[in-house]
Amino acid sequence: MRAKAVGEGERGLTLVELIITVFILSILASAAIPIATFQVKRQKERELRYDLWMMRDAIDKYKDAADRGAFQTKVNSQNYPPDLQTLVDGVDVQGKKLKFLRRIPVDPMTGDTDWGLRSMQDDPDSDSYSGDSVFDVYSKSQGTALDGTKYSTW
């Protein structure tokens, strides 16, 4: 049997190897944080685009049904819905409820269901709502998108 020399066959990391490993891992982690933040923001932007599309589509369907005479609307509304809740609650058409939206979505940028509204009488860039009818919706977020535009202009 042969005698072992001191240190022969021992396994483990030296302090220098451990410091180098931790340093490399910290560099990789610091590079991953901006990428993760970018991905989260991009996902919220997708949700915002989808929510705006869904609500605008519901407004268009409401107007189309009113234009075809399926139900009566206010005289000054130009056949647009009076508010978003009407799209959720629906309107009576020949004894049946016609609903246009399942729920008012939560704005992913503000975390609230309080959307900016515009009527036909409002200026296109206005952030004040006259309250007559809902022609358009927009996010009340003052944040800037990845493409450099404001969320409120989408």
N, C-alpha and C. Protein backbone atom coordinates (compact mmCIF):
# COMPACT_ATOMS: atom_id res chain seq x y z
N MET A 1 0.82 -1.16 0.00
CA MET A 1 0.00 0.00 0.00
C MET A 1 0.87 1.24 0.00
N ARG A 2 0.51 2.16 -0.75
CA ARG A 2 1.29 3.36 -0.90
C ARG A 2 0.75 4.46 0.03
N ALA A 3 1.61 5.23 0.61
CA ALA A 3 1.20 6.30 1.52
C ALA A 3 0.82 7.53 0.69
N LYS A 4 -0.20 8.24 1.14
CA LYS A 4 -0.66 9.45 0.45
C LYS A 4 0.21 10.62 0.84
N ALA A 5 0.47 11.45 -0.14
CA ALA A 5 1.18 12.69 0.14
C ALA A 5 0.18 13.69 0.69
N VAL A 6 0.66 14.67 1.39
CA VAL A 6 -0.20 15.68 1.99
C VAL A 6 -0.91 16.44 0.87
N GLY A 7 -2.26 16.57 0.96
CA GLY A 7 -3.06 17.31 -0.01
C GLY A 7 -3.45 16.50 -1.22
N GLU A 8 -2.92 15.29 -1.36
CA GLU A 8 -3.23 14.48 -2.52
C GLU A 8 -4.61 13.85 -2.35
N GLY A 9 -5.44 13.98 -3.34
CA GLY A 9 -6.76 13.36 -3.31
C GLY A 9 -7.82 14.19 -2.59
N GLU A 10 -7.46 15.31 -2.02
CA GLU A 10 -8.47 16.15 -1.36
C GLU A 10 -9.25 16.91 -2.42
N ARG A 11 -10.54 17.08 -2.16
CA ARG A 11 -11.41 17.77 -3.10
C ARG A 11 -11.92 19.04 -2.44
N GLY A 12 -12.31 20.06 -3.24
CA GLY A 12 -12.86 21.29 -2.71
C GLY A 12 -12.39 22.50 -3.50
N LEU A 13 -12.90 23.65 -3.11
CA LEU A 13 -12.56 24.88 -3.78
C LEU A 13 -11.66 25.73 -2.89
N THR A 14 -10.76 26.38 -3.52
CA THR A 14 -9.95 27.31 -2.76
C THR A 14 -10.72 28.63 -2.65
N LEU A 15 -10.29 29.49 -1.79
CA LEU A 15 -10.94 30.78 -1.59
C LEU A 15 -10.92 31.60 -2.88
N VAL A 16 -9.85 31.57 -3.63
CA VAL A 16 -9.74 32.32 -4.88
C VAL A 16 -10.75 31.80 -5.90
N GLU A 17 -10.87 30.49 -6.02
CA GLU A 17 -11.84 29.91 -6.95
C GLU A 17 -13.27 30.30 -6.57
N LEU A 18 -13.55 30.30 -5.29
CA LEU A 18 -14.88 30.67 -4.80
C LEU A 18 -15.19 32.15 -5.10
N ILE A 19 -14.22 33.03 -4.89
CA ILE A 19 -14.41 34.45 -5.17
C ILE A 19 -14.63 34.68 -6.66
N ILE A 20 -13.88 34.02 -7.51
CA ILE A 20 -14.03 34.15 -8.96
C ILE A 20 -15.41 33.67 -9.40
N THR A 21 -15.88 32.56 -8.84
CA THR A 21 -17.20 32.01 -9.18
C THR A 21 -18.31 32.97 -8.79
N VAL A 22 -18.23 33.51 -7.59
CA VAL A 22 -19.24 34.47 -7.13
C VAL A 22 -19.21 35.73 -8.01
N PHE A 23 -18.05 36.19 -8.39
CA PHE A 23 -17.92 37.36 -9.24
C PHE A 23 -18.56 37.12 -10.60
N ILE A 24 -18.31 35.98 -11.21
CA ILE A 24 -18.90 35.65 -12.52
C ILE A 24 -20.42 35.55 -12.41
N LEU A 25 -20.92 34.92 -11.37
CA LEU A 25 -22.37 34.80 -11.18
C LEU A 25 -23.03 36.16 -10.97
N SER A 26 -22.36 37.06 -10.26
CA SER A 26 -22.94 38.39 -10.05
C SER A 26 -22.99 39.18 -11.35
N ILE A 27 -22.01 39.02 -12.22
CA ILE A 27 -22.03 39.68 -13.53
C ILE A 27 -23.19 39.14 -14.37
N LEU A 28 -23.38 37.84 -14.36
CA LEU A 28 -24.48 37.24 -15.13
C LEU A 28 -25.85 37.69 -14.58
N ALA A 29 -25.97 37.76 -13.26
CA ALA A 29 -27.23 38.19 -12.65
C ALA A 29 -27.52 39.64 -12.96
N SER A 30 -26.50 40.49 -12.93
CA SER A 30 -26.72 41.91 -13.22
C SER A 30 -27.10 42.12 -14.68
N ALA A 31 -26.69 41.24 -15.57
CA ALA A 31 -27.08 41.33 -16.98
C ALA A 31 -28.51 40.83 -17.18
N ALA A 32 -28.97 39.92 -16.35
CA ALA A 32 -30.30 39.35 -16.50
C ALA A 32 -31.40 40.28 -16.00
N ILE A 33 -31.12 41.13 -15.04
CA ILE A 33 -32.15 42.01 -14.46
C ILE A 33 -32.74 42.96 -15.50
N PRO A 34 -31.96 43.68 -16.30
CA PRO A 34 -32.56 44.55 -17.31
C PRO A 34 -33.38 43.76 -18.35
N ILE A 35 -32.93 42.59 -18.69
CA ILE A 35 -33.68 41.77 -19.65
C ILE A 35 -35.02 41.37 -19.07
N ALA A 36 -35.06 40.98 -17.80
CA ALA A 36 -36.32 40.61 -17.15
C ALA A 36 -37.24 41.81 -17.04
N THR A 37 -36.71 42.97 -16.71
CA THR A 37 -37.51 44.19 -16.61
C THR A 37 -38.11 44.54 -17.97
N PHE A 38 -37.33 44.42 -19.03
CA PHE A 38 -37.79 44.67 -20.39
C PHE A 38 -38.93 43.73 -20.75
N GLN A 39 -38.78 42.45 -20.42
CA GLN A 39 -39.81 41.46 -20.75
C GLN A 39 -41.12 41.75 -20.02
N VAL A 40 -41.04 42.15 -18.75
CA VAL A 40 -42.24 42.47 -17.98
C VAL A 40 -42.95 43.68 -18.60
N LYS A 41 -42.20 44.70 -18.95
CA LYS A 41 -42.79 45.89 -19.56
C LYS A 41 -43.42 45.56 -20.91
N ARG A 42 -42.74 44.75 -21.69
CA ARG A 42 -43.28 44.36 -23.00
C ARG A 42 -44.58 43.57 -22.85
N GLN A 43 -44.65 42.69 -21.85
CA GLN A 43 -45.87 41.93 -21.61
C GLN A 43 -47.03 42.85 -21.19
N LYS A 44 -46.75 43.83 -20.34
CA LYS A 44 -47.79 44.79 -19.93
C LYS A 44 -48.28 45.60 -21.14
N GLU A 45 -47.37 45.96 -22.02
CA GLU A 45 -47.76 46.69 -23.22
C GLU A 45 -48.66 45.85 -24.12
N ARG A 46 -48.35 44.57 -24.23
CA ARG A 46 -49.22 43.67 -25.00
C ARG A 46 -50.62 43.62 -24.40
N GLU A 47 -50.68 43.50 -23.07
CA GLU A 47 -51.97 43.48 -22.38
C GLU A 47 -52.73 44.78 -22.62
N LEU A 48 -52.04 45.91 -22.54
CA LEU A 48 -52.68 47.20 -22.76
C LEU A 48 -53.25 47.28 -24.18
N ARG A 49 -52.46 46.89 -25.16
CA ARG A 49 -52.94 46.93 -26.55
C ARG A 49 -54.18 46.04 -26.72
N TYR A 50 -54.14 44.86 -26.13
CA TYR A 50 -55.28 43.94 -26.24
C TYR A 50 -56.51 44.51 -25.55
N ASP A 51 -56.35 45.05 -24.34
CA ASP A 51 -57.48 45.61 -23.61
C ASP A 51 -58.11 46.79 -24.36
N LEU A 52 -57.27 47.66 -24.90
CA LEU A 52 -57.79 48.80 -25.67
C LEU A 52 -58.53 48.31 -26.92
N TRP A 53 -57.96 47.33 -27.60
CA TRP A 53 -58.61 46.77 -28.79
C TRP A 53 -59.97 46.17 -28.42
N MET A 54 -60.01 45.41 -27.32
CA MET A 54 -61.24 44.74 -26.90
C MET A 54 -62.33 45.77 -26.57
N MET A 55 -61.99 46.82 -25.82
CA MET A 55 -62.98 47.83 -25.47
C MET A 55 -63.43 48.63 -26.70
N ARG A 56 -62.51 48.98 -27.57
CA ARG A 56 -62.87 49.72 -28.78
C ARG A 56 -63.74 48.88 -29.71
N ASP A 57 -63.47 47.59 -29.76
CA ASP A 57 -64.29 46.68 -30.55
C ASP A 57 -65.71 46.61 -29.97
N ALA A 58 -65.82 46.56 -28.65
CA ALA A 58 -67.14 46.53 -28.00
C ALA A 58 -67.91 47.82 -28.27
N ILE A 59 -67.22 48.96 -28.23
CA ILE A 59 -67.85 50.25 -28.54
C ILE A 59 -68.37 50.25 -29.98
N ASP A 60 -67.55 49.75 -30.90
CA ASP A 60 -67.96 49.69 -32.31
C ASP A 60 -69.17 48.77 -32.51
N LYS A 61 -69.19 47.64 -31.83
CA LYS A 61 -70.32 46.71 -31.95
C LYS A 61 -71.60 47.32 -31.38
N TYR A 62 -71.47 48.04 -30.26
CA TYR A 62 -72.61 48.73 -29.68
C TYR A 62 -73.17 49.75 -30.69
N LYS A 63 -72.28 50.57 -31.25
CA LYS A 63 -72.71 51.59 -32.21
C LYS A 63 -73.34 50.94 -33.44
N ASP A 64 -72.76 49.87 -33.92
CA ASP A 64 -73.30 49.19 -35.09
C ASP A 64 -74.72 48.68 -34.81
N ALA A 65 -74.92 48.07 -33.65
CA ALA A 65 -76.26 47.57 -33.29
C ALA A 65 -77.25 48.72 -33.15
N ALA A 66 -76.81 49.82 -32.55
CA ALA A 66 -77.69 50.98 -32.40
C ALA A 66 -78.00 51.61 -33.76
N ASP A 67 -77.02 51.66 -34.65
CA ASP A 67 -77.24 52.21 -35.99
C ASP A 67 -78.25 51.36 -36.77
N ARG A 68 -78.26 50.07 -36.53
CA ARG A 68 -79.21 49.17 -37.20
C ARG A 68 -80.59 49.21 -36.55
N GLY A 69 -80.74 49.97 -35.46
CA GLY A 69 -82.03 50.13 -34.81
C GLY A 69 -82.39 49.02 -33.84
N ALA A 70 -81.42 48.29 -33.34
CA ALA A 70 -81.69 47.20 -32.40
C ALA A 70 -82.20 47.73 -31.07
N PHE A 71 -81.81 48.95 -30.70
CA PHE A 71 -82.26 49.57 -29.45
C PHE A 71 -82.12 51.08 -29.58
N GLN A 72 -82.78 51.78 -28.67
CA GLN A 72 -82.77 53.25 -28.68
C GLN A 72 -81.60 53.78 -27.86
N THR A 73 -81.04 54.89 -28.30
CA THR A 73 -79.98 55.57 -27.55
C THR A 73 -80.38 57.02 -27.36
N LYS A 74 -79.60 57.74 -26.55
CA LYS A 74 -79.86 59.16 -26.35
C LYS A 74 -79.65 59.92 -27.66
N VAL A 75 -80.35 61.02 -27.79
CA VAL A 75 -80.29 61.81 -29.02
C VAL A 75 -78.88 62.33 -29.30
N ASN A 76 -78.20 62.88 -28.29
CA ASN A 76 -76.88 63.48 -28.49
C ASN A 76 -75.74 62.47 -28.50
N SER A 77 -76.02 61.18 -28.31
CA SER A 77 -74.96 60.18 -28.18
C SER A 77 -74.38 59.72 -29.50
N GLN A 78 -75.06 60.02 -30.61
CA GLN A 78 -74.65 59.54 -31.94
C GLN A 78 -74.51 58.02 -31.94
N ASN A 79 -75.32 57.36 -31.13
CA ASN A 79 -75.41 55.89 -31.01
C ASN A 79 -74.18 55.25 -30.36
N TYR A 80 -73.41 56.02 -29.62
CA TYR A 80 -72.30 55.46 -28.84
C TYR A 80 -72.79 55.18 -27.43
N PRO A 81 -72.16 54.26 -26.71
CA PRO A 81 -72.62 53.92 -25.35
C PRO A 81 -72.40 55.08 -24.38
N PRO A 82 -73.27 55.19 -23.35
CA PRO A 82 -73.11 56.28 -22.38
C PRO A 82 -71.90 56.11 -21.48
N ASP A 83 -71.48 54.86 -21.24
CA ASP A 83 -70.31 54.58 -20.41
C ASP A 83 -69.86 53.15 -20.65
N LEU A 84 -68.72 52.78 -20.09
CA LEU A 84 -68.20 51.42 -20.28
C LEU A 84 -69.05 50.38 -19.56
N GLN A 85 -69.64 50.76 -18.43
CA GLN A 85 -70.45 49.80 -17.67
C GLN A 85 -71.66 49.34 -18.48
N THR A 86 -72.19 50.17 -19.35
CA THR A 86 -73.31 49.78 -20.21
C THR A 86 -72.90 48.64 -21.14
N LEU A 87 -71.65 48.64 -21.58
CA LEU A 87 -71.17 47.55 -22.43
C LEU A 87 -71.13 46.23 -21.67
N VAL A 88 -70.87 46.30 -20.36
CA VAL A 88 -70.83 45.11 -19.52
C VAL A 88 -72.24 44.66 -19.15
N ASP A 89 -73.06 45.61 -18.71
CA ASP A 89 -74.43 45.29 -18.28
C ASP A 89 -75.31 44.88 -19.44
N GLY A 90 -75.05 45.44 -20.61
CA GLY A 90 -75.83 45.10 -21.79
C GLY A 90 -77.07 45.96 -21.93
N VAL A 91 -77.75 45.78 -23.04
CA VAL A 91 -78.99 46.50 -23.33
C VAL A 91 -80.05 45.47 -23.72
N ASP A 92 -81.32 45.82 -23.49
CA ASP A 92 -82.43 44.93 -23.83
C ASP A 92 -82.74 45.04 -25.31
N VAL A 93 -82.71 43.89 -25.98
CA VAL A 93 -83.08 43.82 -27.39
C VAL A 93 -84.11 42.71 -27.52
N GLN A 94 -85.35 43.09 -27.75
CA GLN A 94 -86.46 42.16 -27.92
C GLN A 94 -86.52 41.16 -26.76
N GLY A 95 -86.43 41.67 -25.55
CA GLY A 95 -86.56 40.84 -24.35
C GLY A 95 -85.31 40.08 -23.95
N LYS A 96 -84.22 40.26 -24.66
CA LYS A 96 -82.97 39.59 -24.32
C LYS A 96 -81.89 40.63 -24.05
N LYS A 97 -80.96 40.28 -23.18
CA LYS A 97 -79.82 41.17 -22.88
C LYS A 97 -78.73 40.96 -23.93
N LEU A 98 -78.34 42.03 -24.55
CA LEU A 98 -77.24 42.00 -25.51
C LEU A 98 -76.04 42.66 -24.85
N LYS A 99 -75.03 41.85 -24.51
CA LYS A 99 -73.84 42.35 -23.83
C LYS A 99 -72.69 42.45 -24.83
N PHE A 100 -71.84 43.43 -24.62
CA PHE A 100 -70.76 43.69 -25.56
C PHE A 100 -69.37 43.46 -24.96
N LEU A 101 -69.31 43.39 -23.63
CA LEU A 101 -68.03 43.26 -22.93
C LEU A 101 -68.26 42.43 -21.67
N ARG A 102 -67.39 41.47 -21.40
CA ARG A 102 -67.55 40.64 -20.20
C ARG A 102 -67.31 41.42 -18.92
N ARG A 103 -66.27 42.24 -18.95
CA ARG A 103 -65.90 43.04 -17.78
C ARG A 103 -65.06 44.20 -18.26
N ILE A 104 -64.98 45.21 -17.42
CA ILE A 104 -64.07 46.32 -17.73
C ILE A 104 -62.67 45.87 -17.30
N PRO A 105 -61.74 45.78 -18.24
CA PRO A 105 -60.41 45.28 -17.88
C PRO A 105 -59.63 46.26 -17.00
N VAL A 106 -58.67 45.71 -16.29
CA VAL A 106 -57.77 46.51 -15.46
C VAL A 106 -56.64 47.02 -16.36
N ASP A 107 -56.39 48.31 -16.29
CA ASP A 107 -55.30 48.90 -17.05
C ASP A 107 -53.99 48.35 -16.49
N PRO A 108 -53.21 47.61 -17.28
CA PRO A 108 -51.97 47.02 -16.74
C PRO A 108 -50.93 48.06 -16.34
N MET A 109 -51.05 49.27 -16.83
CA MET A 109 -50.07 50.30 -16.50
C MET A 109 -50.41 51.03 -15.21
N THR A 110 -51.70 51.17 -14.91
CA THR A 110 -52.12 51.88 -13.69
C THR A 110 -52.63 50.93 -12.62
N GLY A 111 -53.01 49.71 -13.01
CA GLY A 111 -53.56 48.75 -12.06
C GLY A 111 -54.98 49.08 -11.63
N ASP A 112 -55.69 49.86 -12.43
CA ASP A 112 -57.03 50.32 -12.08
C ASP A 112 -57.96 50.14 -13.28
N THR A 113 -59.27 50.06 -13.02
CA THR A 113 -60.25 49.96 -14.10
C THR A 113 -60.73 51.34 -14.54
N ASP A 114 -60.10 52.38 -14.06
CA ASP A 114 -60.46 53.75 -14.42
C ASP A 114 -59.70 54.14 -15.69
N TRP A 115 -60.41 54.10 -16.81
CA TRP A 115 -59.82 54.42 -18.10
C TRP A 115 -60.17 55.86 -18.48
N GLY A 116 -59.33 56.45 -19.30
CA GLY A 116 -59.66 57.74 -19.87
C GLY A 116 -60.70 57.56 -20.97
N LEU A 117 -61.68 58.44 -21.03
CA LEU A 117 -62.75 58.34 -22.00
C LEU A 117 -62.82 59.59 -22.86
N ARG A 118 -63.27 59.42 -24.11
CA ARG A 118 -63.50 60.54 -25.00
C ARG A 118 -64.85 60.35 -25.67
N SER A 119 -65.55 61.45 -25.87
CA SER A 119 -66.80 61.40 -26.63
C SER A 119 -66.56 62.06 -27.98
N MET A 120 -67.55 61.99 -28.84
CA MET A 120 -67.42 62.61 -30.18
C MET A 120 -67.23 64.12 -30.07
N GLN A 121 -67.76 64.72 -29.00
CA GLN A 121 -67.67 66.17 -28.85
C GLN A 121 -66.31 66.62 -28.33
N ASP A 122 -65.50 65.70 -27.79
CA ASP A 122 -64.19 66.05 -27.23
C ASP A 122 -63.15 66.19 -28.34
N ASP A 123 -62.13 67.00 -28.07
CA ASP A 123 -61.00 67.09 -28.99
C ASP A 123 -60.24 65.77 -28.96
N PRO A 124 -59.64 65.36 -30.08
CA PRO A 124 -58.91 64.08 -30.11
C PRO A 124 -57.79 63.97 -29.09
N ASP A 125 -57.14 65.08 -28.76
CA ASP A 125 -56.03 65.05 -27.81
C ASP A 125 -56.45 65.46 -26.40
N SER A 126 -57.73 65.69 -26.21
CA SER A 126 -58.23 66.16 -24.91
C SER A 126 -58.17 65.05 -23.86
N ASP A 127 -57.91 65.46 -22.63
CA ASP A 127 -57.97 64.49 -21.54
C ASP A 127 -59.17 64.77 -20.63
N SER A 128 -60.06 65.65 -21.08
CA SER A 128 -61.30 65.90 -20.34
C SER A 128 -62.44 65.20 -21.09
N TYR A 129 -63.38 64.69 -20.34
CA TYR A 129 -64.48 63.92 -20.90
C TYR A 129 -65.77 64.68 -20.69
N SER A 130 -66.50 64.92 -21.77
CA SER A 130 -67.74 65.68 -21.66
C SER A 130 -68.87 64.87 -21.06
N GLY A 131 -68.77 63.55 -21.09
CA GLY A 131 -69.75 62.69 -20.43
C GLY A 131 -70.97 62.35 -21.27
N ASP A 132 -71.01 62.73 -22.54
CA ASP A 132 -72.18 62.45 -23.37
C ASP A 132 -72.24 60.99 -23.81
N SER A 133 -71.16 60.49 -24.34
CA SER A 133 -71.09 59.11 -24.83
C SER A 133 -69.63 58.72 -24.93
N VAL A 134 -69.38 57.42 -25.00
CA VAL A 134 -68.00 56.93 -25.07
C VAL A 134 -67.68 56.60 -26.52
N PHE A 135 -66.83 57.43 -27.10
CA PHE A 135 -66.37 57.22 -28.48
C PHE A 135 -65.03 56.48 -28.50
N ASP A 136 -64.19 56.72 -27.48
CA ASP A 136 -62.85 56.13 -27.43
C ASP A 136 -62.40 55.99 -25.99
N VAL A 137 -61.44 55.09 -25.77
CA VAL A 137 -60.84 54.89 -24.45
C VAL A 137 -59.33 54.98 -24.59
N TYR A 138 -58.67 55.35 -23.49
CA TYR A 138 -57.22 55.41 -23.48
C TYR A 138 -56.73 55.19 -22.05
N SER A 139 -55.46 54.85 -21.91
CA SER A 139 -54.86 54.63 -20.60
C SER A 139 -54.58 55.99 -19.95
N LYS A 140 -54.79 56.05 -18.65
CA LYS A 140 -54.47 57.28 -17.91
C LYS A 140 -53.02 57.30 -17.44
N SER A 141 -52.27 56.28 -17.80
CA SER A 141 -50.85 56.22 -17.43
C SER A 141 -50.07 57.31 -18.15
N GLN A 142 -49.17 57.96 -17.44
CA GLN A 142 -48.31 58.97 -18.04
C GLN A 142 -46.96 58.38 -18.43
N GLY A 143 -46.84 57.05 -18.35
CA GLY A 143 -45.59 56.38 -18.66
C GLY A 143 -45.28 56.40 -20.15
N THR A 144 -44.03 56.09 -20.44
CA THR A 144 -43.55 56.04 -21.82
C THR A 144 -43.32 54.59 -22.23
N ALA A 145 -43.78 54.26 -23.41
CA ALA A 145 -43.66 52.89 -23.93
C ALA A 145 -42.24 52.62 -24.43
N LEU A 146 -41.98 51.37 -24.72
CA LEU A 146 -40.66 50.99 -25.25
C LEU A 146 -40.37 51.66 -26.59
N ASP A 147 -41.42 51.99 -27.35
CA ASP A 147 -41.20 52.66 -28.64
C ASP A 147 -41.10 54.18 -28.53
N GLY A 148 -41.16 54.70 -27.28
CA GLY A 148 -40.98 56.13 -27.05
C GLY A 148 -42.27 56.94 -27.00
N THR A 149 -43.40 56.32 -27.30
CA THR A 149 -44.69 57.02 -27.25
C THR A 149 -45.26 56.95 -25.84
N LYS A 150 -46.21 57.84 -25.55
CA LYS A 150 -46.90 57.83 -24.26
C LYS A 150 -48.05 56.82 -24.33
N TYR A 151 -48.26 56.09 -23.24
CA TYR A 151 -49.36 55.11 -23.22
C TYR A 151 -50.71 55.80 -23.42
N SER A 152 -50.83 57.02 -22.97
CA SER A 152 -52.10 57.73 -23.08
C SER A 152 -52.45 58.09 -24.54
N THR A 153 -51.51 57.96 -25.46
CA THR A 153 -51.79 58.26 -26.87
C THR A 153 -52.13 57.02 -27.67
N TRP A 154 -52.13 55.87 -27.05
CA TRP A 154 -52.39 54.63 -27.80
C TRP A 154 -53.85 54.51 -28.16
